[in-house]
Amino acid sequence: MSLGNSDLYVRRQSKSHVNTQHSPRTPEERVCLYCLQTFGNGEQYVSVDGQFYHIQCFNCYQCFNPLLDDTYFNFEGKFYCEYDFKRNYAPVCQKCKACVMGTVIKTVHGNYHPECLTCDNCEKVIEGGLYFDMMKNLCEDCHKQREKLDICVKCRSIILPEERLLYRGDLWHAEHFECMKCGTQLDITAKIWREKLYCQKCYDRYVMIVCAYCHKVIDLQHERAKEANGKYYHINHFFCNGCGVDIQGEHMEFDDENYCKQCYLKKSRKACSVCNGASDITAFNKHFCRRCFRCAHCQKDLTKKSKVINFDYQPICGKCFDKLPKELRKTIKHGNSTAN
């Protein structure tokens, strides 16, 4: 496999060019591409890739923060700040786990920085031909060396390509193993799951893992998976059940659902019935925070020690209760005593 550049991840390192002269002269240059409004006479504007923008219109397509003084990225005609471009589009290097912002090299294992793609045999950076052999990235020299005959670590005899099995980092004749489920003698189609070997049939029947989000098979031999709540997910299908964001780091489990830490805290605590914040006061089977626990009539702040009357499931203070009509007070008292 030859190395090359990815057209999708070209970094824009130069700053935007701000024209401080008069407004554009040609008809196609007189309209801001974002708001479609014309430029004022002598108004400063931003010129990027032959397009023109008001200074206040040249913002990140995702977060709308200004891009004028920051590094920005052009992806499919839309401009992004560095943070949002990394979050949404930049691939992750399989070796250093950092975002690849310039040249990206794609292999069957995933994406790499050019300096991170090293030979799994000699550990040198691969600058020429890239070869994939027995689940390993190899440079051209090491690939040529591996063209020599392979030897089985058990019987020390030659392994032909149609009998070769890589297990625990060593080469074996596949026939030396049996399926952990049915006992069938294995061949090169054998699958490995948690250090155990299965025939293709038993693997598909008993071990095959399906993503709980997209319901498609996760091939654990070639891709990563996330396990949570007894379920498996493709690494890019693990979303918060509260806000829907892609959970990249720590996740929380609540009622058999997955949440980011912020949504978990909101979900697991008792929320104020007024502001949905954290509550510390309970009255009439409702929860209130200290700021929202106030008389529904005069808006006077109440405390846990205040005399509080249930007025249609809203708290009112004693003074406001005494101002109510006599018959209404009797009805409220009767209702409260009945509820008790």
Protein backbone atom coordinates (compact mmCIF):
# COMPACT_ATOMS: atom_id res chain seq x y z
CA MET A 1 0.00 0.00 0.00
CA SER A 2 1.49 3.40 -0.92
CA LEU A 3 1.27 6.42 1.41
CA GLY A 4 -0.58 9.59 0.49
CA ASN A 5 -2.32 12.70 1.72
CA SER A 6 -6.00 12.88 2.63
CA ASP A 7 -7.89 15.65 0.85
CA LEU A 8 -10.42 15.80 3.71
CA TYR A 9 -8.06 16.99 6.43
CA VAL A 10 -6.02 19.85 4.99
CA ARG A 11 -5.21 22.35 7.71
CA ARG A 12 -5.67 26.06 7.01
CA GLN A 13 -2.79 27.65 8.91
CA SER A 14 -2.85 31.13 7.41
CA LYS A 15 -4.96 33.91 8.92
CA SER A 16 -7.97 35.38 7.15
CA HIS A 17 -7.18 38.29 4.84
CA VAL A 18 -9.05 41.43 5.94
CA ASN A 19 -9.51 43.95 3.16
CA THR A 20 -9.40 47.45 4.69
CA GLN A 21 -10.10 49.23 1.42
CA HIS A 22 -13.49 50.16 0.01
CA SER A 23 -16.22 47.55 -0.44
CA PRO A 24 -15.80 44.98 -3.29
CA ARG A 25 -16.18 46.43 -6.76
CA THR A 26 -17.52 43.56 -8.88
CA PRO A 27 -21.25 42.55 -8.56
CA GLU A 28 -20.49 39.02 -7.32
CA GLU A 29 -18.25 40.47 -4.58
CA ARG A 30 -20.87 42.81 -3.11
CA VAL A 31 -22.84 40.24 -1.09
CA CYS A 32 -21.79 38.47 2.13
CA LEU A 33 -21.96 34.70 1.54
CA TYR A 34 -23.36 34.11 5.06
CA CYS A 35 -26.10 36.73 5.48
CA LEU A 36 -26.53 37.60 1.79
CA GLN A 37 -26.46 41.31 2.67
CA THR A 38 -24.38 43.87 0.78
CA PHE A 39 -21.33 45.59 2.18
CA GLY A 40 -21.39 49.24 3.21
CA ASN A 41 -19.22 51.74 1.40
CA GLY A 42 -15.68 51.41 2.78
CA GLU A 43 -16.71 48.61 5.15
CA GLN A 44 -14.03 46.12 6.17
CA TYR A 45 -14.68 42.57 5.11
CA VAL A 46 -13.11 39.09 5.14
CA SER A 47 -11.96 37.46 1.90
CA VAL A 48 -11.48 33.67 2.07
CA ASP A 49 -11.03 31.33 -0.91
CA GLY A 50 -12.65 33.85 -3.25
CA GLN A 51 -15.67 34.32 -0.94
CA PHE A 52 -16.56 37.44 1.02
CA TYR A 53 -18.01 37.89 4.51
CA HIS A 54 -18.87 40.63 6.92
CA ILE A 55 -16.38 40.56 9.78
CA GLN A 56 -19.20 39.68 12.21
CA CYS A 57 -20.41 36.91 9.86
CA PHE A 58 -17.11 35.03 9.63
CA ASN A 59 -17.82 32.59 12.47
CA CYS A 60 -17.45 28.88 13.22
CA TYR A 61 -20.24 26.89 11.56
CA GLN A 62 -20.64 24.78 14.72
CA CYS A 63 -20.24 27.07 17.74
CA PHE A 64 -20.60 30.49 16.00
CA ASN A 65 -17.50 31.89 17.71
CA PRO A 66 -15.52 34.44 15.65
CA LEU A 67 -12.74 32.99 13.48
CA LEU A 68 -10.98 36.17 12.44
CA ASP A 69 -7.98 35.89 14.79
CA ASP A 70 -7.88 32.09 15.17
CA THR A 71 -6.79 29.13 13.11
CA TYR A 72 -9.71 27.85 11.09
CA PHE A 73 -10.50 24.89 8.85
CA ASN A 74 -12.45 24.70 5.61
CA PHE A 75 -14.44 21.45 5.34
CA GLU A 76 -16.91 21.04 2.46
CA GLY A 77 -17.23 24.80 2.11
CA LYS A 78 -17.94 25.42 5.82
CA PHE A 79 -15.48 26.99 8.24
CA TYR A 80 -14.78 25.56 11.70
CA CYS A 81 -12.68 26.53 14.69
CA GLU A 82 -9.92 24.10 15.66
CA TYR A 83 -11.89 22.59 18.56
CA ASP A 84 -15.04 21.78 16.57
CA PHE A 85 -13.08 20.53 13.57
CA LYS A 86 -11.18 18.09 15.79
CA ARG A 87 -14.38 16.99 17.55
CA ASN A 88 -16.42 16.40 14.39
CA TYR A 89 -14.09 15.52 11.53
CA ALA A 90 -10.47 15.00 12.48
CA PRO A 91 -9.51 11.29 12.59
CA VAL A 92 -7.83 9.85 15.68
CA CYS A 93 -4.35 8.36 15.35
CA GLN A 94 -4.40 4.69 16.32
CA LYS A 95 -0.99 4.94 17.98
CA CYS A 96 -0.87 8.25 19.93
CA LYS A 97 -4.70 8.71 20.15
CA ALA A 98 -4.36 12.39 19.18
CA CYS A 99 -6.27 14.04 16.34
CA VAL A 100 -4.62 13.96 12.92
CA MET A 101 -4.75 17.54 11.63
CA GLY A 102 -2.50 17.37 8.57
CA THR A 103 -1.50 14.43 6.42
CA VAL A 104 -3.39 11.31 7.45
CA ILE A 105 -2.43 7.76 6.51
CA LYS A 106 -5.27 5.24 6.43
CA THR A 107 -4.69 1.53 6.94
CA VAL A 108 -6.88 -1.45 7.79
CA HIS A 109 -6.05 -0.71 11.44
CA GLY A 110 -7.24 2.90 11.23
CA ASN A 111 -5.69 6.35 10.81
CA TYR A 112 -2.14 7.44 11.66
CA HIS A 113 0.12 10.49 11.73
CA PRO A 114 2.92 9.88 9.20
CA GLU A 115 5.43 9.81 12.08
CA CYS A 116 3.28 7.38 14.11
CA LEU A 117 2.97 4.72 11.43
CA THR A 118 5.82 2.42 12.36
CA CYS A 119 6.70 -1.11 11.36
CA ASP A 120 5.46 -3.61 13.94
CA ASN A 121 8.60 -5.66 13.33
CA CYS A 122 11.55 -3.20 13.24
CA GLU A 123 9.68 -0.20 14.76
CA LYS A 124 11.01 2.20 12.12
CA VAL A 125 8.74 4.87 10.61
CA ILE A 126 7.25 3.55 7.37
CA GLU A 127 8.10 6.06 4.64
CA GLY A 128 7.77 3.90 1.56
CA GLY A 129 5.53 0.93 0.88
CA LEU A 130 3.17 -0.23 3.61
CA TYR A 131 2.24 -3.92 3.89
CA PHE A 132 -0.33 -5.63 6.12
CA ASP A 133 0.54 -9.17 7.09
CA MET A 134 -0.88 -11.30 9.93
CA MET A 135 -2.54 -8.30 11.62
CA LYS A 136 0.72 -6.31 11.55
CA ASN A 137 1.88 -3.17 9.72
CA LEU A 138 5.17 -3.92 7.97
CA CYS A 139 7.67 -1.85 6.03
CA GLU A 140 8.85 -3.10 2.66
CA ASP A 141 12.10 -4.62 4.00
CA CYS A 142 10.38 -6.56 6.80
CA HIS A 143 7.68 -7.72 4.41
CA LYS A 144 10.31 -9.21 2.12
CA GLN A 145 11.92 -10.98 5.07
CA ARG A 146 8.55 -12.48 6.10
CA GLU A 147 8.21 -14.02 2.66
CA LYS A 148 10.46 -16.75 4.04
CA LEU A 149 8.73 -19.89 5.19
CA ASP A 150 6.90 -19.67 8.54
CA ILE A 151 7.52 -22.27 11.26
CA CYS A 152 4.86 -23.52 13.70
CA VAL A 153 5.84 -22.86 17.34
CA LYS A 154 4.39 -26.21 18.41
CA CYS A 155 5.53 -28.80 15.87
CA ARG A 156 8.40 -26.71 14.38
CA SER A 157 7.38 -27.67 10.84
CA ILE A 158 6.63 -25.38 7.92
CA ILE A 159 3.24 -23.60 7.90
CA LEU A 160 1.57 -23.15 4.53
CA PRO A 161 -0.56 -20.02 3.99
CA GLU A 162 -3.78 -22.08 3.99
CA GLU A 163 -2.99 -23.57 7.47
CA ARG A 164 -1.55 -20.54 9.25
CA LEU A 165 -3.14 -19.18 12.45
CA LEU A 166 -1.82 -16.25 14.50
CA TYR A 167 -2.62 -16.77 18.18
CA ARG A 168 -1.14 -14.91 21.16
CA GLY A 169 1.52 -13.38 18.95
CA ASP A 170 2.83 -16.69 17.55
CA LEU A 171 2.24 -18.68 14.36
CA TRP A 172 0.56 -22.07 14.59
CA HIS A 173 -0.96 -24.69 12.37
CA ALA A 174 -4.70 -24.06 12.83
CA GLU A 175 -5.27 -27.80 13.14
CA HIS A 176 -3.52 -27.83 16.53
CA PHE A 177 -6.61 -26.18 18.06
CA GLU A 178 -10.23 -27.14 18.59
CA CYS A 179 -13.29 -24.92 18.87
CA MET A 180 -14.03 -24.02 22.51
CA LYS A 181 -17.74 -24.59 21.91
CA CYS A 182 -18.20 -27.60 19.65
CA GLY A 183 -14.74 -29.20 19.67
CA THR A 184 -14.34 -29.07 15.90
CA GLN A 185 -10.78 -28.97 14.58
CA LEU A 186 -10.03 -25.40 13.49
CA ASP A 187 -8.79 -23.96 10.22
CA ILE A 188 -7.63 -20.47 9.24
CA THR A 189 -11.19 -19.14 9.50
CA ALA A 190 -10.97 -19.50 13.31
CA LYS A 191 -12.05 -16.50 15.39
CA ILE A 192 -10.54 -15.30 18.66
CA TRP A 193 -12.69 -13.90 21.47
CA ARG A 194 -11.23 -13.16 24.92
CA GLU A 195 -8.25 -15.40 24.27
CA LYS A 196 -10.50 -18.32 23.27
CA LEU A 197 -10.71 -19.86 19.81
CA TYR A 198 -13.96 -20.64 17.98
CA CYS A 199 -14.89 -22.01 14.62
CA GLN A 200 -16.67 -19.57 12.33
CA LYS A 201 -20.06 -21.22 12.89
CA CYS A 202 -19.92 -21.08 16.72
CA TYR A 203 -18.51 -17.58 16.69
CA ASP A 204 -21.41 -16.32 14.56
CA ARG A 205 -23.94 -18.16 16.73
CA TYR A 206 -22.71 -17.59 20.28
CA VAL A 207 -20.08 -14.86 20.30
CA MET A 208 -21.03 -12.45 17.54
CA ILE A 209 -21.62 -9.04 19.06
CA VAL A 210 -24.20 -6.56 17.75
CA CYS A 211 -24.09 -2.81 18.36
CA ALA A 212 -27.01 -1.81 20.60
CA TYR A 213 -27.35 1.47 18.66
CA CYS A 214 -27.20 0.51 14.97
CA HIS A 215 -27.88 -3.24 15.42
CA LYS A 216 -25.00 -4.13 13.11
CA VAL A 217 -22.29 -6.69 13.84
CA ILE A 218 -19.14 -5.43 15.54
CA ASP A 219 -16.12 -7.23 14.12
CA LEU A 220 -13.89 -7.33 17.19
CA GLN A 221 -11.03 -8.71 15.15
CA HIS A 222 -10.67 -5.39 13.33
CA GLU A 223 -12.53 -2.68 15.27
CA ARG A 224 -12.94 -1.42 18.81
CA ALA A 225 -16.15 -1.58 20.83
CA LYS A 226 -17.52 0.05 23.98
CA GLU A 227 -19.19 -2.10 26.64
CA ALA A 228 -21.74 -0.57 29.03
CA ASN A 229 -24.84 -1.84 30.84
CA GLY A 230 -24.15 -5.32 29.50
CA LYS A 231 -24.37 -4.06 25.90
CA TYR A 232 -21.81 -3.33 23.20
CA TYR A 233 -21.52 -0.27 20.96
CA HIS A 234 -19.40 0.79 18.03
CA ILE A 235 -16.89 3.28 19.42
CA ASN A 236 -18.64 6.11 17.50
CA HIS A 237 -22.18 5.01 18.45
CA PHE A 238 -21.92 5.57 22.21
CA PHE A 239 -24.28 8.48 22.96
CA CYS A 240 -25.66 10.09 26.13
CA ASN A 241 -29.33 9.18 26.64
CA GLY A 242 -29.92 12.67 28.05
CA CYS A 243 -28.30 15.23 25.75
CA GLY A 244 -27.39 12.92 22.86
CA VAL A 245 -23.70 13.89 22.71
CA ASP A 246 -21.03 11.35 21.80
CA ILE A 247 -19.55 10.13 25.11
CA GLN A 248 -15.79 10.17 24.61
CA GLY A 249 -14.58 9.84 28.19
CA GLU A 250 -16.18 8.70 31.43
CA HIS A 251 -19.81 7.59 31.29
CA MET A 252 -22.42 6.95 33.98
CA GLU A 253 -25.12 4.26 34.08
CA PHE A 254 -28.61 4.97 35.43
CA ASP A 255 -31.80 2.89 34.96
CA ASP A 256 -30.04 0.74 32.30
CA GLU A 257 -29.19 3.81 30.24
CA ASN A 258 -25.88 5.57 29.55
CA TYR A 259 -25.32 9.22 30.43
CA CYS A 260 -22.53 11.76 30.36
CA LYS A 261 -21.50 12.92 33.82
CA GLN A 262 -23.49 16.17 33.66
CA CYS A 263 -26.74 14.52 32.58
CA TYR A 264 -26.25 11.76 35.14
CA LEU A 265 -26.12 14.30 37.96
CA LYS A 266 -29.33 15.93 36.70
CA LYS A 267 -31.06 12.58 36.31
CA SER A 268 -30.10 11.00 39.62
CA ARG A 269 -30.84 13.92 41.93
CA LYS A 270 -34.25 15.30 42.91
CA ALA A 271 -34.81 18.40 40.81
CA CYS A 272 -36.52 21.61 41.94
CA SER A 273 -40.05 21.73 40.52
CA VAL A 274 -39.54 25.40 39.58
CA CYS A 275 -36.01 25.78 38.16
CA ASN A 276 -35.03 22.10 37.73
CA GLY A 277 -31.93 22.70 39.85
CA ALA A 278 -30.78 20.72 42.88
CA SER A 279 -33.44 20.68 45.61
CA ASP A 280 -33.09 20.49 49.38
CA ILE A 281 -36.67 21.22 50.53
CA THR A 282 -39.73 18.99 50.11
CA ALA A 283 -43.27 20.26 50.60
CA PHE A 284 -46.63 18.87 49.45
CA ASN A 285 -44.82 16.01 47.61
CA LYS A 286 -42.91 18.55 45.55
CA HIS A 287 -39.23 19.52 45.63
CA PHE A 288 -37.86 23.06 45.88
CA CYS A 289 -34.43 24.66 46.07
CA ARG A 290 -33.96 27.36 48.69
CA ARG A 291 -34.16 30.14 46.10
CA CYS A 292 -37.49 28.93 44.66
CA PHE A 293 -39.16 28.06 47.97
CA ARG A 294 -41.23 31.23 48.42
CA CYS A 295 -44.83 32.30 49.01
CA ALA A 296 -46.87 31.98 45.84
CA HIS A 297 -48.74 35.22 46.71
CA CYS A 298 -46.28 37.74 48.19
CA GLN A 299 -43.07 36.04 46.93
CA LYS A 300 -41.57 36.17 50.41
CA ASP A 301 -38.71 33.70 50.90
CA LEU A 302 -39.65 30.70 53.03
CA THR A 303 -37.54 28.31 55.07
CA LYS A 304 -38.02 24.84 56.45
CA LYS A 305 -39.16 26.42 59.75
CA SER A 306 -41.64 28.81 58.14
CA LYS A 307 -45.38 28.34 58.60
CA VAL A 308 -46.43 27.12 55.17
CA ILE A 309 -49.97 26.35 53.95
CA ASN A 310 -50.78 24.19 50.96
CA PHE A 311 -52.76 26.41 48.61
CA ASP A 312 -53.57 24.28 45.56
CA TYR A 313 -50.19 22.54 45.94
CA GLN A 314 -48.41 25.90 46.09
CA PRO A 315 -46.79 27.20 49.32
CA ILE A 316 -48.18 30.39 50.86
CA CYS A 317 -47.04 32.05 54.06
CA GLY A 318 -49.21 32.44 57.19
CA LYS A 319 -49.85 36.16 56.61
CA CYS A 320 -51.16 35.62 53.09
CA PHE A 321 -53.33 32.76 54.34
CA ASP A 322 -54.89 35.03 57.01
CA LYS A 323 -55.84 37.56 54.30
CA LEU A 324 -57.90 35.00 52.38
CA PRO A 325 -61.74 34.99 52.73
CA LYS A 326 -62.98 33.11 55.76
CA GLU A 327 -64.83 30.44 53.77
CA LEU A 328 -61.80 29.83 51.57
CA ARG A 329 -59.59 29.40 54.65
CA LYS A 330 -62.03 26.81 56.03
CA THR A 331 -62.00 24.94 52.74
CA ILE A 332 -58.19 24.91 52.62
CA LYS A 333 -57.92 23.74 56.24
CA HIS A 334 -60.47 21.01 55.62
CA GLY A 335 -58.64 19.89 52.47
CA ASN A 336 -55.30 19.78 54.29
CA SER A 337 -56.72 17.82 57.21
CA THR A 338 -58.36 15.35 54.83
CA ALA A 339 -55.09 14.89 52.95
CA ASN A 340 -53.28 14.25 56.21
